[in-house]
Amino acid sequence: MAKVLISMPDEFLDKIDTVAASEQRTRSELIREALRGYIRRSNLISSETSESKAKVLESMLD
């Protein structure tokens, strides 16, 4: 598994650590899960945008 170095404010990292501890997870697990959710939402929005554009194009051709 690759490692990535990121920078963030100490206060934000403290919040991440608090949530991770409350869920009995590692910081890395929590951040990976958050990024998975972000990617899923991003793909969903992209898909919805593509479908919307396709409908507009179809209506223009009718």
C-alpha atoms as a PDB file:
ATOM      1  CA  MET A   1       0.000   0.000   0.000  1.00  0.00           C
ATOM      2  CA  ALA A   2       1.326   3.431  -0.936  1.00  0.00           C
ATOM      3  CA  LYS A   3       1.760   6.161   1.652  1.00  0.00           C
ATOM      4  CA  VAL A   4       0.725   9.775   1.108  1.00  0.00           C
ATOM      5  CA  LEU A   5       1.872  12.812   3.038  1.00  0.00           C
ATOM      6  CA  ILE A   6      -0.726  15.565   3.443  1.00  0.00           C
ATOM      7  CA  SER A   7      -0.828  18.788   5.410  1.00  0.00           C
ATOM      8  CA  MET A   8      -3.780  20.031   7.449  1.00  0.00           C
ATOM      9  CA  PRO A   9      -4.386  22.358  10.364  1.00  0.00           C
ATOM     10  CA  ASP A  10      -3.725  20.849  13.796  1.00  0.00           C
ATOM     11  CA  GLU A  11      -7.310  21.560  14.881  1.00  0.00           C
ATOM     12  CA  PHE A  12      -8.682  19.549  11.953  1.00  0.00           C
ATOM     13  CA  LEU A  13      -6.359  16.651  12.694  1.00  0.00           C
ATOM     14  CA  ASP A  14      -7.500  16.738  16.331  1.00  0.00           C
ATOM     15  CA  LYS A  15     -11.122  16.382  15.163  1.00  0.00           C
ATOM     16  CA  ILE A  16     -10.169  13.480  12.889  1.00  0.00           C
ATOM     17  CA  ASP A  17      -8.377  11.749  15.750  1.00  0.00           C
ATOM     18  CA  THR A  18     -11.352  12.271  18.064  1.00  0.00           C
ATOM     19  CA  VAL A  19     -13.768  10.705  15.566  1.00  0.00           C
ATOM     20  CA  ALA A  20     -11.366   7.847  14.803  1.00  0.00           C
ATOM     21  CA  ALA A  21     -10.949   7.084  18.503  1.00  0.00           C
ATOM     22  CA  SER A  22     -14.695   7.190  19.131  1.00  0.00           C
ATOM     23  CA  GLU A  23     -15.202   4.682  16.290  1.00  0.00           C
ATOM     24  CA  GLN A  24     -12.212   2.585  17.385  1.00  0.00           C
ATOM     25  CA  ARG A  25     -10.587   3.036  13.975  1.00  0.00           C
ATOM     26  CA  THR A  26      -7.225   4.285  12.881  1.00  0.00           C
ATOM     27  CA  ARG A  27      -6.795   7.734  11.433  1.00  0.00           C
ATOM     28  CA  SER A  28      -5.898   6.145   8.093  1.00  0.00           C
ATOM     29  CA  GLU A  29      -9.050   4.011   8.051  1.00  0.00           C
ATOM     30  CA  LEU A  30     -11.219   7.030   8.749  1.00  0.00           C
ATOM     31  CA  ILE A  31      -9.579   9.154   6.047  1.00  0.00           C
ATOM     32  CA  ARG A  32      -9.763   6.311   3.480  1.00  0.00           C
ATOM     33  CA  GLU A  33     -13.477   5.870   4.184  1.00  0.00           C
ATOM     34  CA  ALA A  34     -14.092   9.618   3.883  1.00  0.00           C
ATOM     35  CA  LEU A  35     -12.312   9.691   0.524  1.00  0.00           C
ATOM     36  CA  ARG A  36     -14.258   6.658  -0.717  1.00  0.00           C
ATOM     37  CA  GLY A  37     -17.485   8.523   0.090  1.00  0.00           C
ATOM     38  CA  TYR A  38     -16.228  11.640  -1.667  1.00  0.00           C
ATOM     39  CA  ILE A  39     -15.329   9.647  -4.789  1.00  0.00           C
ATOM     40  CA  ARG A  40     -18.728   7.880  -4.811  1.00  0.00           C
ATOM     41  CA  ARG A  41     -20.583  11.208  -4.531  1.00  0.00           C
ATOM     42  CA  SER A  42     -18.364  12.762  -7.193  1.00  0.00           C
ATOM     43  CA  ASN A  43     -19.030   9.875  -9.584  1.00  0.00           C
ATOM     44  CA  LEU A  44     -22.760  10.063  -8.882  1.00  0.00           C
ATOM     45  CA  ILE A  45     -22.874  13.800  -9.561  1.00  0.00           C
ATOM     46  CA  SER A  46     -20.828  13.324 -12.729  1.00  0.00           C
ATOM     47  CA  SER A  47     -23.200  10.583 -13.888  1.00  0.00           C
ATOM     48  CA  GLU A  48     -26.275  12.705 -13.132  1.00  0.00           C
ATOM     49  CA  THR A  49     -24.754  15.662 -14.995  1.00  0.00           C
ATOM     50  CA  SER A  50     -24.008  13.472 -18.007  1.00  0.00           C
ATOM     51  CA  GLU A  51     -27.564  12.117 -18.023  1.00  0.00           C
ATOM     52  CA  SER A  52     -28.980  15.629 -17.760  1.00  0.00           C
ATOM     53  CA  LYS A  53     -26.848  16.829 -20.676  1.00  0.00           C
ATOM     54  CA  ALA A  54     -27.891  13.809 -22.737  1.00  0.00           C
ATOM     55  CA  LYS A  55     -31.573  14.603 -22.131  1.00  0.00           C
ATOM     56  CA  VAL A  56     -31.041  18.199 -23.225  1.00  0.00           C
ATOM     57  CA  LEU A  57     -29.305  17.037 -26.390  1.00  0.00           C
ATOM     58  CA  GLU A  58     -32.034  14.504 -27.096  1.00  0.00           C
ATOM     59  CA  SER A  59     -34.714  17.157 -26.700  1.00  0.00           C
ATOM     60  CA  MET A  60     -32.860  19.412 -29.132  1.00  0.00           C
ATOM     61  CA  LEU A  61     -32.817  16.628 -31.728  1.00  0.00           C
ATOM     62  CA  ASP A  62     -36.526  15.829 -31.432  1.00  0.00           C
END
